[in-house]
């Protein structure tokens, strides 16, 4: 799967390992991630592409807020952990 804005990804390395994020931007081997909680849309996290795992789910980023993003990622995390 190609990495694009709106893709949901799981961090597989670093202090945020195991957390879910949404890709905001892709640039030169790095992705810029946000989850609405630790990393808000205004202060995204820069992470090496090799340190994430794509989940296959895509979120529409139009009119997204930190609160909506938190809710969507919490629901996604809950559904993945319950399966």
N, C-alpha and C. Protein backbone atom coordinates (compact mmCIF):
# COMPACT_ATOMS: atom_id res chain seq x y z
N UNK A 1 0.84 -1.18 0.00
CA UNK A 1 0.00 0.00 0.00
C UNK A 1 0.89 1.24 0.00
N UNK A 2 0.51 2.21 -0.78
CA UNK A 2 1.26 3.45 -0.85
C UNK A 2 0.88 4.39 0.29
N UNK A 3 1.85 5.05 0.85
CA UNK A 3 1.61 5.98 1.95
C UNK A 3 1.10 7.29 1.39
N UNK A 4 -0.03 7.76 1.92
CA UNK A 4 -0.62 9.02 1.49
C UNK A 4 -1.28 9.69 2.68
N UNK A 5 -1.62 10.94 2.53
CA UNK A 5 -2.31 11.67 3.60
C UNK A 5 -3.62 10.97 3.94
N UNK A 6 -3.87 10.82 5.21
CA UNK A 6 -5.10 10.19 5.68
C UNK A 6 -4.96 8.73 6.05
N UNK A 7 -3.84 8.10 5.70
CA UNK A 7 -3.62 6.69 6.04
C UNK A 7 -3.43 6.55 7.55
N UNK A 8 -4.02 5.52 8.12
CA UNK A 8 -3.82 5.22 9.54
C UNK A 8 -2.59 4.32 9.65
N UNK A 9 -1.71 4.65 10.57
CA UNK A 9 -0.46 3.90 10.74
C UNK A 9 -0.22 3.64 12.22
N UNK A 10 0.48 2.54 12.48
CA UNK A 10 0.87 2.19 13.84
C UNK A 10 2.37 2.39 13.95
N UNK A 11 2.80 3.05 15.01
CA UNK A 11 4.21 3.25 15.26
C UNK A 11 4.81 1.93 15.73
N UNK A 12 5.92 1.51 15.08
CA UNK A 12 6.56 0.25 15.45
C UNK A 12 7.94 0.46 16.07
N UNK A 13 8.35 1.73 16.20
CA UNK A 13 9.65 2.02 16.82
C UNK A 13 9.58 3.38 17.50
N UNK A 14 10.35 3.51 18.56
CA UNK A 14 10.41 4.78 19.27
C UNK A 14 9.61 4.75 20.55
N UNK A 15 9.61 5.88 21.27
CA UNK A 15 8.90 5.94 22.55
C UNK A 15 7.39 5.89 22.38
N UNK A 16 6.90 6.13 21.17
CA UNK A 16 5.47 6.08 20.90
C UNK A 16 5.04 4.75 20.26
N UNK A 17 5.88 3.74 20.37
CA UNK A 17 5.60 2.41 19.79
C UNK A 17 4.25 1.89 20.25
N UNK A 18 3.47 1.37 19.29
CA UNK A 18 2.17 0.79 19.60
C UNK A 18 1.01 1.77 19.47
N UNK A 19 1.30 3.04 19.32
CA UNK A 19 0.23 4.03 19.18
C UNK A 19 -0.18 4.18 17.72
N UNK A 20 -1.44 4.53 17.52
CA UNK A 20 -1.96 4.75 16.17
C UNK A 20 -1.95 6.24 15.86
N UNK A 21 -1.61 6.55 14.61
CA UNK A 21 -1.54 7.91 14.12
C UNK A 21 -2.18 7.97 12.74
N UNK A 22 -2.44 9.17 12.28
CA UNK A 22 -2.86 9.37 10.90
C UNK A 22 -1.76 10.16 10.21
N UNK A 23 -1.47 9.79 8.97
CA UNK A 23 -0.44 10.46 8.19
C UNK A 23 -1.01 11.78 7.69
N UNK A 24 -0.34 12.87 8.01
CA UNK A 24 -0.76 14.19 7.57
C UNK A 24 -0.06 14.57 6.27
N UNK A 25 1.24 14.23 6.19
CA UNK A 25 2.03 14.60 5.02
C UNK A 25 3.17 13.60 4.86
N UNK A 26 3.58 13.36 3.61
CA UNK A 26 4.72 12.51 3.30
C UNK A 26 5.74 13.38 2.57
N UNK A 27 7.01 13.31 3.02
CA UNK A 27 8.03 14.14 2.40
C UNK A 27 9.41 13.54 2.59
N UNK A 28 10.09 13.22 1.51
CA UNK A 28 11.49 12.79 1.49
C UNK A 28 11.84 11.71 2.52
N UNK A 29 11.14 10.61 2.51
CA UNK A 29 11.45 9.49 3.39
C UNK A 29 10.89 9.61 4.80
N UNK A 30 10.15 10.65 5.06
CA UNK A 30 9.55 10.86 6.37
C UNK A 30 8.05 11.06 6.24
N UNK A 31 7.34 10.72 7.30
CA UNK A 31 5.92 11.02 7.38
C UNK A 31 5.71 11.97 8.55
N UNK A 32 4.68 12.75 8.46
CA UNK A 32 4.30 13.67 9.52
C UNK A 32 2.98 13.17 10.08
N UNK A 33 2.98 12.81 11.36
CA UNK A 33 1.87 12.11 11.99
C UNK A 33 1.20 12.95 13.06
N UNK A 34 -0.09 12.67 13.25
CA UNK A 34 -0.85 13.30 14.34
C UNK A 34 -1.84 12.28 14.87
N UNK A 35 -2.16 12.40 16.17
CA UNK A 35 -3.20 11.54 16.74
C UNK A 35 -4.22 12.34 17.55
N UNK A 36 -4.06 13.65 17.59
CA UNK A 36 -5.03 14.49 18.27
C UNK A 36 -4.86 14.56 19.77
N UNK A 37 -3.94 13.79 20.32
CA UNK A 37 -3.73 13.78 21.76
C UNK A 37 -2.30 14.22 22.07
N UNK A 38 -1.35 13.30 22.00
CA UNK A 38 0.04 13.66 22.25
C UNK A 38 0.57 14.53 21.12
N UNK A 39 0.19 14.21 19.90
CA UNK A 39 0.61 14.95 18.71
C UNK A 39 -0.61 15.52 18.02
N UNK A 40 -0.81 16.80 18.22
CA UNK A 40 -1.98 17.47 17.65
C UNK A 40 -1.70 17.87 16.21
N UNK A 41 -2.75 18.24 15.52
CA UNK A 41 -2.64 18.62 14.12
C UNK A 41 -1.74 19.85 13.94
N UNK A 42 -1.64 20.67 14.96
CA UNK A 42 -0.81 21.88 14.88
C UNK A 42 0.66 21.58 15.13
N UNK A 43 0.98 20.45 15.73
CA UNK A 43 2.36 20.10 16.08
C UNK A 43 2.59 18.63 15.75
N UNK A 44 2.69 18.32 14.47
CA UNK A 44 2.80 16.94 14.02
C UNK A 44 4.16 16.34 14.37
N UNK A 45 4.22 15.02 14.38
CA UNK A 45 5.44 14.26 14.69
C UNK A 45 6.09 13.83 13.38
N UNK A 46 7.37 14.13 13.21
CA UNK A 46 8.12 13.68 12.04
C UNK A 46 8.72 12.32 12.37
N UNK A 47 8.46 11.33 11.50
CA UNK A 47 8.92 9.97 11.78
C UNK A 47 9.39 9.32 10.48
N UNK A 48 10.43 8.53 10.59
CA UNK A 48 10.95 7.80 9.45
C UNK A 48 9.89 6.80 8.96
N UNK A 49 9.76 6.69 7.65
CA UNK A 49 8.77 5.78 7.06
C UNK A 49 9.00 4.34 7.51
N UNK A 50 10.25 3.96 7.73
CA UNK A 50 10.55 2.58 8.15
C UNK A 50 10.06 2.27 9.56
N UNK A 51 9.69 3.28 10.32
CA UNK A 51 9.28 3.08 11.71
C UNK A 51 7.77 3.07 11.91
N UNK A 52 7.02 2.93 10.81
CA UNK A 52 5.56 2.81 10.92
C UNK A 52 5.08 1.59 10.14
N UNK A 53 3.90 1.15 10.50
CA UNK A 53 3.24 0.05 9.80
C UNK A 53 1.85 0.53 9.40
N UNK A 54 1.54 0.47 8.10
CA UNK A 54 0.23 0.92 7.64
C UNK A 54 -0.83 -0.10 7.99
N UNK A 55 -2.02 0.37 8.31
CA UNK A 55 -3.11 -0.51 8.70
C UNK A 55 -4.07 -0.81 7.56
N UNK A 56 -4.04 -0.02 6.50
CA UNK A 56 -4.96 -0.22 5.39
C UNK A 56 -6.20 0.64 5.48
N UNK A 57 -6.39 1.34 6.58
CA UNK A 57 -7.54 2.22 6.74
C UNK A 57 -7.14 3.64 6.38
N UNK A 58 -8.09 4.38 5.78
CA UNK A 58 -7.85 5.77 5.40
C UNK A 58 -8.93 6.65 6.02
N UNK A 59 -8.51 7.77 6.58
CA UNK A 59 -9.42 8.74 7.19
C UNK A 59 -9.46 9.98 6.31
N UNK A 60 -10.67 10.51 6.09
CA UNK A 60 -10.82 11.76 5.33
C UNK A 60 -10.39 12.91 6.22
N UNK A 61 -9.40 13.68 5.78
CA UNK A 61 -8.85 14.76 6.59
C UNK A 61 -9.56 16.10 6.41
N UNK A 62 -10.55 16.15 5.53
CA UNK A 62 -11.30 17.39 5.35
C UNK A 62 -12.11 17.69 6.60
N UNK A 63 -11.98 18.89 7.11
CA UNK A 63 -12.70 19.36 8.29
C UNK A 63 -12.43 18.51 9.53
N UNK A 64 -11.23 17.95 9.64
CA UNK A 64 -10.88 17.14 10.81
C UNK A 64 -10.38 18.07 11.93
N UNK A 65 -10.74 17.72 13.15
CA UNK A 65 -10.26 18.44 14.32
C UNK A 65 -9.53 17.43 15.20
N UNK A 66 -8.81 17.93 16.19
CA UNK A 66 -8.11 17.03 17.11
C UNK A 66 -9.08 16.12 17.83
N UNK A 67 -10.23 16.65 18.21
CA UNK A 67 -11.23 15.84 18.92
C UNK A 67 -11.78 14.73 18.03
N UNK A 68 -12.11 15.05 16.78
CA UNK A 68 -12.62 14.03 15.84
C UNK A 68 -11.55 12.99 15.56
N UNK A 69 -10.31 13.44 15.42
CA UNK A 69 -9.21 12.53 15.15
C UNK A 69 -9.00 11.56 16.31
N UNK A 70 -9.01 12.08 17.54
CA UNK A 70 -8.89 11.21 18.72
C UNK A 70 -9.98 10.16 18.74
N UNK A 71 -11.21 10.58 18.47
CA UNK A 71 -12.34 9.66 18.51
C UNK A 71 -12.20 8.57 17.45
N UNK A 72 -11.84 8.94 16.22
CA UNK A 72 -11.68 7.96 15.15
C UNK A 72 -10.56 6.96 15.46
N UNK A 73 -9.44 7.45 15.96
CA UNK A 73 -8.32 6.55 16.27
C UNK A 73 -8.62 5.68 17.48
N UNK A 74 -9.36 6.19 18.47
CA UNK A 74 -9.75 5.38 19.63
C UNK A 74 -10.67 4.25 19.19
N UNK A 75 -11.63 4.56 18.31
CA UNK A 75 -12.54 3.52 17.80
C UNK A 75 -11.77 2.49 17.01
N UNK A 76 -10.80 2.94 16.21
CA UNK A 76 -9.99 2.02 15.42
C UNK A 76 -9.16 1.12 16.32
N UNK A 77 -8.52 1.70 17.33
CA UNK A 77 -7.69 0.94 18.27
C UNK A 77 -8.54 -0.10 19.01
N UNK A 78 -9.73 0.29 19.43
CA UNK A 78 -10.62 -0.62 20.15
C UNK A 78 -11.05 -1.79 19.26
N UNK A 79 -11.39 -1.49 18.00
CA UNK A 79 -11.84 -2.55 17.10
C UNK A 79 -10.70 -3.50 16.76
N UNK A 80 -9.48 -3.00 16.63
CA UNK A 80 -8.33 -3.86 16.32
C UNK A 80 -7.99 -4.73 17.52
N UNK A 81 -8.02 -4.19 18.72
CA UNK A 81 -7.67 -4.95 19.91
C UNK A 81 -8.74 -5.97 20.28
N UNK A 82 -9.98 -5.74 19.90
CA UNK A 82 -11.06 -6.68 20.22
C UNK A 82 -11.14 -7.83 19.20
N UNK A 83 -10.50 -7.69 18.04
CA UNK A 83 -10.57 -8.74 17.02
C UNK A 83 -9.57 -9.83 17.28
